[in-house]
Protein backbone atom coordinates (compact mmCIF):
# COMPACT_ATOMS: atom_id res chain seq x y z
CA MET A 1 -15.13 12.17 11.82
CA LYS A 2 -12.69 13.51 9.30
CA LEU A 3 -13.40 12.00 5.85
CA CYS A 4 -10.78 10.70 3.64
CA LYS A 5 -11.22 10.21 -0.17
CA TYR A 6 -9.17 7.01 0.21
CA GLY A 7 -11.50 5.70 2.69
CA THR A 8 -9.09 5.58 5.52
CA ASN A 9 -11.91 6.36 7.91
CA ARG A 10 -13.15 2.96 7.59
CA VAL A 11 -9.97 1.17 8.64
CA ILE A 12 -10.35 -0.61 11.73
CA GLU A 13 -6.91 -2.29 12.08
CA PRO A 14 -4.24 -1.60 12.09
CA GLN A 15 -4.73 2.29 12.21
CA GLY A 16 -2.74 4.41 9.96
CA VAL A 17 -2.83 2.24 6.90
CA LEU A 18 -4.84 2.60 3.66
CA PRO A 19 -7.90 0.06 3.31
CA GLN A 20 -5.89 -2.24 0.88
CA ALA A 21 -3.30 -2.80 3.53
CA ALA A 22 -5.74 -3.18 6.52
CA ARG A 23 -6.55 -6.59 7.99
CA LYS A 24 -10.11 -5.36 8.75
CA ILE A 25 -12.16 -2.53 7.61
CA ASP A 26 -15.70 -1.27 8.39
CA ASN A 27 -18.28 -2.70 6.07
CA ASP A 28 -21.25 -1.07 7.63
CA MET A 29 -23.24 -0.22 4.55
CA GLU A 30 -24.54 3.11 5.82
CA ILE A 31 -22.59 5.55 3.52
CA TYR A 32 -20.59 8.47 4.39
CA PRO A 33 -21.09 11.77 2.28
CA ASN A 34 -18.09 10.96 -0.05
CA GLU A 35 -18.96 7.33 -0.93
CA ILE A 36 -21.25 5.40 -3.23
CA LEU A 37 -23.33 2.40 -2.26
CA ILE A 38 -23.52 -0.42 -4.76
CA ASP A 39 -25.87 -3.30 -5.00
CA VAL A 40 -23.55 -5.98 -6.35
CA ILE A 41 -24.61 -8.33 -9.07
CA SER A 42 -21.36 -10.46 -9.47
CA LEU A 43 -17.88 -10.52 -7.92
CA ASN A 44 -15.03 -11.54 -10.35
CA ILE A 45 -12.40 -12.91 -7.92
CA ASP A 46 -8.69 -12.68 -8.80
CA SER A 47 -7.41 -15.46 -10.74
CA ALA A 48 -4.60 -16.27 -8.36
CA SER A 49 -6.96 -15.92 -5.49
CA PHE A 50 -9.72 -18.03 -7.13
CA SER A 51 -7.14 -20.73 -7.76
CA GLN A 52 -5.91 -20.95 -4.26
CA LEU A 53 -9.55 -21.08 -2.98
CA LYS A 54 -10.39 -24.01 -5.41
CA SER A 55 -7.22 -25.90 -4.56
CA GLU A 56 -7.86 -25.30 -0.59
CA ALA A 57 -11.51 -26.41 -0.94
CA GLY A 58 -10.83 -29.42 -3.27
CA ASN A 59 -13.00 -27.72 -6.01
CA ASP A 60 -16.00 -28.02 -3.72
CA GLU A 61 -18.48 -25.07 -4.57
CA ALA A 62 -19.96 -25.08 -0.93
CA LYS A 63 -16.58 -24.83 0.67
CA ILE A 64 -15.48 -22.02 -1.82
CA ALA A 65 -18.77 -20.16 -0.94
CA ALA A 66 -18.34 -20.68 2.74
CA LYS A 67 -14.63 -19.46 2.55
CA ILE A 68 -15.50 -16.31 0.63
CA LYS A 69 -18.31 -15.32 3.36
CA GLU A 70 -15.68 -16.21 6.00
CA ILE A 71 -13.02 -13.82 4.61
CA VAL A 72 -15.67 -11.13 4.10
CA ALA A 73 -17.04 -11.46 7.54
CA GLU A 74 -13.60 -11.20 9.12
CA ARG A 75 -12.05 -8.55 6.85
CA GLY A 76 -14.91 -6.46 5.73
CA LYS A 77 -13.68 -7.06 2.27
CA MET A 78 -12.70 -9.87 -0.09
CA GLN A 79 -9.05 -10.11 0.14
CA ASN A 80 -7.54 -13.44 0.24
CA PRO A 81 -5.35 -14.01 3.26
CA VAL A 82 -3.01 -16.33 1.22
CA THR A 83 -2.58 -14.33 -1.97
CA GLY A 84 -3.40 -10.87 -0.62
CA SER A 85 -5.42 -10.15 -3.79
CA GLY A 86 -9.12 -9.49 -4.46
CA GLY A 87 -10.96 -8.95 -7.81
CA MET A 88 -13.64 -6.55 -8.92
CA LEU A 89 -17.18 -6.42 -9.18
CA ILE A 90 -20.22 -5.32 -11.20
CA GLY A 91 -23.37 -3.89 -9.66
CA LYS A 92 -25.98 -0.94 -9.84
CA VAL A 93 -25.60 2.45 -7.94
CA ALA A 94 -27.95 2.26 -5.04
CA LYS A 95 -27.07 5.66 -3.40
CA VAL A 96 -24.66 8.46 -4.01
CA GLY A 97 -23.15 10.23 -1.17
CA SER A 98 -24.25 14.08 -0.73
CA ASN A 99 -20.77 15.34 -1.59
CA LEU A 100 -20.84 13.48 -4.90
CA LEU A 101 -24.22 14.51 -6.20
CA GLY A 102 -24.16 16.23 -9.45
CA GLY A 103 -21.22 13.94 -10.87
CA ASP A 104 -20.82 11.41 -13.44
CA LEU A 105 -23.17 8.60 -11.58
CA SER A 106 -26.71 8.47 -10.79
CA VAL A 107 -28.76 5.92 -8.90
CA GLY A 108 -29.57 2.95 -11.31
CA ASP A 109 -26.28 3.08 -13.17
CA LYS A 110 -24.77 -0.22 -13.91
CA ILE A 111 -21.04 -0.11 -13.23
CA ALA A 112 -17.84 -2.11 -12.96
CA THR A 113 -15.50 -1.13 -10.08
CA LEU A 114 -12.01 -0.86 -11.37
CA VAL A 115 -10.53 -1.03 -7.99
CA SER A 116 -9.57 -4.02 -6.01
CA LEU A 117 -11.97 -5.98 -3.76
CA SER A 118 -8.99 -6.16 -1.36
CA LEU A 119 -9.86 -2.40 -0.44
CA THR A 120 -13.62 -2.40 -1.06
CA PRO A 121 -15.92 -2.51 1.99
CA LEU A 122 -18.34 -5.51 1.20
CA LYS A 123 -21.17 -7.23 2.93
CA ILE A 124 -22.55 -10.44 1.54
CA ASN A 125 -26.03 -11.30 2.20
CA LYS A 126 -26.05 -14.59 -0.05
CA ILE A 127 -23.91 -16.21 -2.46
CA LYS A 128 -26.20 -17.35 -5.28
CA GLN A 129 -23.97 -19.14 -7.73
CA ILE A 130 -20.33 -19.82 -8.26
CA HIS A 131 -19.04 -19.98 -11.99
CA MET A 132 -16.19 -22.29 -11.34
CA ASN A 133 -14.55 -21.86 -14.80
CA ILE A 134 -14.53 -18.21 -15.10
CA ASP A 135 -13.83 -17.03 -11.48
CA ARG A 136 -17.34 -15.20 -11.02
CA VAL A 137 -19.50 -15.44 -8.02
CA ASP A 138 -23.08 -14.10 -8.39
CA THR A 139 -24.19 -12.62 -5.10
CA ASP A 140 -26.94 -10.60 -2.98
CA ALA A 141 -24.35 -8.31 -1.53
CA GLN A 142 -23.58 -4.57 -1.11
CA ALA A 143 -20.45 -2.65 -1.59
CA ILE A 144 -18.92 0.85 -1.21
CA LEU A 145 -16.92 2.89 -3.75
CA PHE A 146 -14.65 5.39 -2.19
CA GLU A 147 -14.49 8.91 -3.64
CA SER A 148 -11.11 8.16 -5.18
CA GLY A 149 -12.31 4.82 -6.58
CA ILE A 150 -12.59 4.55 -10.27
CA TYR A 151 -15.16 2.74 -12.28
CA ALA A 152 -16.65 2.16 -15.74
CA LYS A 153 -20.24 2.39 -16.78
CA LEU A 154 -21.25 -0.77 -18.43
CA PRO A 155 -21.47 -0.50 -22.13
CA GLU A 156 -24.71 -1.06 -23.84
CA ASP A 157 -23.43 -2.97 -26.86
CA MET A 158 -22.35 -6.05 -24.74
CA THR A 159 -23.56 -8.25 -22.01
CA GLU A 160 -22.67 -7.63 -18.30
CA ALA A 161 -20.76 -10.84 -18.12
CA LEU A 162 -18.70 -10.06 -21.23
CA ALA A 163 -17.86 -6.67 -20.15
CA LEU A 164 -16.93 -7.89 -16.73
CA ALA A 165 -14.55 -10.56 -18.03
CA ALA A 166 -12.63 -7.97 -19.93
CA LEU A 167 -12.59 -5.17 -17.61
CA ASP A 168 -11.33 -7.79 -14.74
CA VAL A 169 -7.90 -7.64 -16.53
CA ALA A 170 -8.24 -4.16 -17.91
CA GLY A 171 -4.92 -3.13 -16.80
CA ALA A 172 -2.94 -5.87 -18.81
CA PRO A 173 -3.67 -4.85 -22.43
CA ALA A 174 -3.63 -1.08 -21.58
CA GLN A 175 -0.27 -1.52 -20.30
CA THR A 176 0.88 -3.70 -23.04
CA ALA A 177 -0.20 -0.82 -25.38
CA LYS A 178 1.97 1.52 -23.34
CA LEU A 179 5.07 -0.90 -23.23
CA VAL A 180 5.16 -2.25 -26.64
CA LYS A 181 7.05 -0.44 -29.51
CA PRO A 182 7.23 -0.96 -33.24
CA GLY A 183 9.98 -3.77 -33.90
CA ASP A 184 9.68 -5.14 -30.55
CA ASN A 185 10.31 -8.88 -29.51
CA VAL A 186 7.67 -9.68 -27.07
CA LEU A 187 7.21 -12.80 -24.92
CA VAL A 188 3.59 -13.46 -23.23
CA ILE A 189 3.67 -15.88 -20.57
CA GLY A 190 0.50 -17.64 -19.71
CA ALA A 191 -1.07 -16.46 -22.92
CA SER A 192 -4.09 -18.71 -23.20
CA GLY A 193 -5.96 -16.94 -20.36
CA LYS A 194 -8.07 -13.80 -20.44
CA SER A 195 -5.27 -11.11 -19.69
CA GLY A 196 -2.56 -13.17 -21.85
CA MET A 197 -4.76 -13.46 -24.97
CA MET A 198 -5.52 -9.46 -24.73
CA CYS A 199 -1.98 -8.74 -24.22
CA CYS A 200 -0.95 -11.04 -27.40
CA TYR A 201 -3.53 -9.21 -29.38
CA GLU A 202 -2.35 -5.68 -28.21
CA ALA A 203 1.28 -6.74 -28.81
CA MET A 204 0.57 -8.03 -32.26
CA LYS A 205 -0.91 -4.69 -33.32
CA ARG A 206 1.96 -2.64 -31.67
CA VAL A 207 5.18 -4.41 -32.91
CA GLY A 208 4.28 -4.03 -36.39
CA PRO A 209 5.89 -5.94 -39.35
CA THR A 210 9.30 -5.91 -38.00
CA GLY A 211 8.54 -7.38 -34.40
CA ASN A 212 7.92 -10.87 -32.99
CA VAL A 213 5.37 -11.75 -30.53
CA VAL A 214 5.73 -15.10 -28.97
CA ALA A 215 3.37 -16.84 -26.70
CA MET A 216 3.66 -19.47 -24.15
CA CYS A 217 1.13 -21.76 -22.90
CA ARG A 218 0.78 -25.32 -21.75
CA LYS A 219 -1.85 -27.10 -24.06
CA GLU A 220 -1.66 -27.72 -27.87
CA ALA A 221 -5.45 -26.68 -28.25
CA ASP A 222 -4.48 -23.15 -26.88
CA LYS A 223 -1.57 -23.15 -29.09
CA GLN A 224 -3.79 -23.64 -32.21
CA THR A 225 -6.21 -21.06 -30.93
CA LEU A 226 -3.58 -18.51 -30.75
CA LEU A 227 -2.07 -19.22 -33.96
CA GLU A 228 -5.29 -19.53 -35.98
CA ASN A 229 -6.58 -16.17 -34.75
CA GLY A 230 -3.31 -14.49 -35.43
CA PHE A 231 -2.54 -13.60 -31.77
CA ALA A 232 0.93 -14.44 -31.91
CA HIS A 233 3.75 -14.97 -34.48
CA ASN A 234 4.85 -18.14 -32.66
CA VAL A 235 3.54 -20.24 -29.71
CA ILE A 236 5.74 -22.47 -27.51
CA LEU A 237 4.50 -25.26 -25.06
CA ALA A 238 6.24 -25.23 -21.57
CA ASP A 239 5.84 -25.50 -17.91
CA VAL A 240 6.37 -22.00 -16.46
CA GLY A 241 8.06 -23.63 -13.45
CA ASN A 242 11.00 -24.65 -15.52
CA ALA A 243 12.56 -21.37 -16.21
CA LEU A 244 15.50 -23.02 -18.38
CA ASP A 245 13.09 -24.85 -20.55
CA VAL A 246 10.89 -21.74 -21.29
CA THR A 247 14.12 -19.65 -22.05
CA GLU A 248 15.49 -22.19 -24.67
CA LYS A 249 12.12 -22.53 -26.28
CA ALA A 250 11.24 -18.86 -26.35
CA LEU A 251 14.79 -17.86 -27.62
CA ALA A 252 14.45 -20.55 -30.35
CA ALA A 253 11.23 -19.09 -31.34
CA ASN A 254 12.97 -15.68 -31.63
CA ASN A 255 15.85 -16.49 -33.73
CA GLY A 256 18.12 -16.99 -30.79
CA ARG A 257 17.56 -13.38 -29.60
CA GLU A 258 16.64 -12.36 -26.32
CA PHE A 259 13.40 -10.24 -25.88
CA ASP A 260 12.87 -6.70 -25.42
CA LEU A 261 9.65 -7.24 -23.14
CA SER A 262 8.12 -10.10 -21.46
CA ILE A 263 4.62 -10.20 -19.98
CA ASN A 264 3.56 -12.59 -17.20
CA CYS A 265 0.09 -13.44 -16.97
CA VAL A 266 -0.16 -16.96 -15.32
CA ASN A 267 -1.83 -17.49 -11.98
CA VAL A 268 0.75 -19.81 -10.44
CA GLU A 269 3.48 -19.57 -8.26
CA ASN A 270 7.43 -19.58 -9.35
CA SER A 271 6.91 -18.05 -12.67
CA GLU A 272 9.36 -15.31 -11.78
CA MET A 273 12.44 -16.55 -13.75
CA ALA A 274 10.85 -17.94 -16.59
CA SER A 275 9.88 -14.27 -17.27
CA ILE A 276 13.31 -12.84 -16.50
CA LEU A 277 15.79 -15.21 -18.23
CA PRO A 278 14.50 -14.79 -21.71
CA VAL A 279 14.75 -10.91 -21.34
CA ARG A 280 17.86 -8.76 -22.69
CA ASN A 281 19.73 -6.66 -20.31
CA GLY A 282 17.92 -3.14 -20.42
CA GLY A 283 14.73 -4.90 -21.39
CA THR A 284 11.46 -4.72 -19.35
CA VAL A 285 9.52 -7.46 -17.57
CA TYR A 286 5.77 -6.82 -16.87
CA PHE A 287 4.38 -8.83 -14.00
CA PHE A 288 0.80 -8.75 -14.34
CA SER A 289 0.06 -11.88 -12.23
CA MET A 290 -0.72 -11.58 -8.64
CA ALA A 291 0.76 -14.80 -8.05
CA VAL A 292 4.17 -13.35 -8.52
CA SER A 293 6.59 -12.98 -5.50
CA PHE A 294 8.43 -9.73 -6.06
CA THR A 295 11.03 -10.91 -3.32
CA LYS A 296 11.81 -13.77 -5.87
CA ALA A 297 11.75 -11.53 -8.91
CA ALA A 298 14.12 -9.23 -7.29
CA LEU A 299 16.45 -11.66 -5.86
CA GLY A 300 16.31 -13.77 -8.94
CA ALA A 301 17.18 -11.23 -11.43
CA GLU A 302 19.98 -10.28 -9.09
CA GLY A 303 21.19 -13.72 -8.90
CA VAL A 304 21.53 -14.38 -12.66
CA GLY A 305 23.02 -10.90 -13.33
CA LYS A 306 20.02 -9.63 -15.35
CA ASP A 307 19.72 -5.87 -15.47
CA VAL A 308 16.10 -5.62 -16.38
CA ASN A 309 13.37 -3.10 -15.56
CA MET A 310 10.66 -4.93 -13.60
CA ILE A 311 7.16 -3.47 -13.61
CA ILE A 312 4.56 -4.49 -10.88
CA GLY A 313 1.11 -5.49 -12.28
CA ASN A 314 -0.66 -2.20 -11.65
CA GLY A 315 -4.22 -2.87 -12.62
CA TYR A 316 -4.77 0.77 -13.71
CA THR A 317 -3.24 2.63 -16.21
CA LYS A 318 -4.98 5.63 -18.13
CA ASP A 319 -7.99 4.89 -20.34
CA HIS A 320 -7.55 1.12 -19.57
CA ALA A 321 -11.30 0.48 -19.66
CA ALA A 322 -11.61 2.14 -22.95
CA ILE A 323 -8.66 0.12 -24.54
CA THR A 324 -9.92 -3.04 -23.35
CA LEU A 325 -13.55 -2.75 -24.50
CA HIS A 326 -12.24 -1.66 -27.79
CA GLN A 327 -10.33 -4.71 -28.30
CA LEU A 328 -13.62 -6.67 -27.99
CA ARG A 329 -15.30 -4.27 -30.42
CA GLU A 330 -12.39 -4.34 -32.99
CA SER A 331 -11.77 -8.04 -33.06
CA GLU A 332 -14.49 -10.53 -33.83
CA ALA A 333 -12.35 -13.55 -33.19
CA LEU A 334 -11.29 -12.25 -29.45
CA ARG A 335 -14.88 -11.37 -28.80
CA LYS A 336 -16.24 -14.56 -29.95
CA ILE A 337 -13.50 -16.55 -27.59
CA PHE A 338 -14.54 -14.33 -24.63
CA GLU A 339 -18.32 -14.94 -25.27
CA GLU A 340 -17.76 -18.88 -25.49
CA ARG A 341 -15.44 -19.19 -22.46
CA TYR A 342 -16.17 -16.43 -19.98
CA VAL A 343 -19.89 -15.59 -20.30
């Protein structure tokens, strides 16, 4: 068999596609020479996926566990058939393929995979516990990391759970660091969650004294948390499904000006137009959320005559793990919130 660094030799159906696009992949845990075997500690299910699973199961943990095991048994990976998204995992290196010996990883290393579960061969023996409020599933399981797969060794100065919570959304603050310039007006939609809060924190660092960061959330308590910790200049309360209301409130919080950049971090549907309408022509909309319909976004922008640059929420950008973990080391307030909410 010809080995592929992207893992295409594990695709069962349909042939000719990459593992992420496949309906089913081979999750036999006998590794090929260019693969790494991982004993899985925890899965961090993508927020949009976990929200859908909870809704379908009526918040019944046993039903959620059964659905996760069903998906993995059918697909060979944890890819929600409704949202198409996966998540990521932390675990311990159990075996390194012969072609990869002498590299950065050794047996026993604890790592977080920074590629989606939607392409990762996975076999679950047992689901030990589901943490309903933080989208985490503790397991007795094994997974395979392809030669092309990216990862981060777990840091020694924070717990596994804390590192997992942050690395799960590492692409968002790192992309924010690339996109935000001094003086920019930035709108963060869904600012009270993990990715939203980290994006706010990074945007505040980048806009400087002449910029403005406006955060949007739904609860007064979250608004106060964001303001008290200096994660935004202004915070608005709105329903993301009401694009006109979001736009009116956001522009009012920005002295009537349209935004240079909006960042969408929500985990519910129909948030596209609330992200697009407040942005100026020539501005940028960054859709980190996996609940976004890119058809709705493209046709919606066209329908209202908005010439904006739209960026798909690529979970990877250069140095994203380092940037994200640095936030927790740099900000005592951010770290405390993460430890209280997500550990």
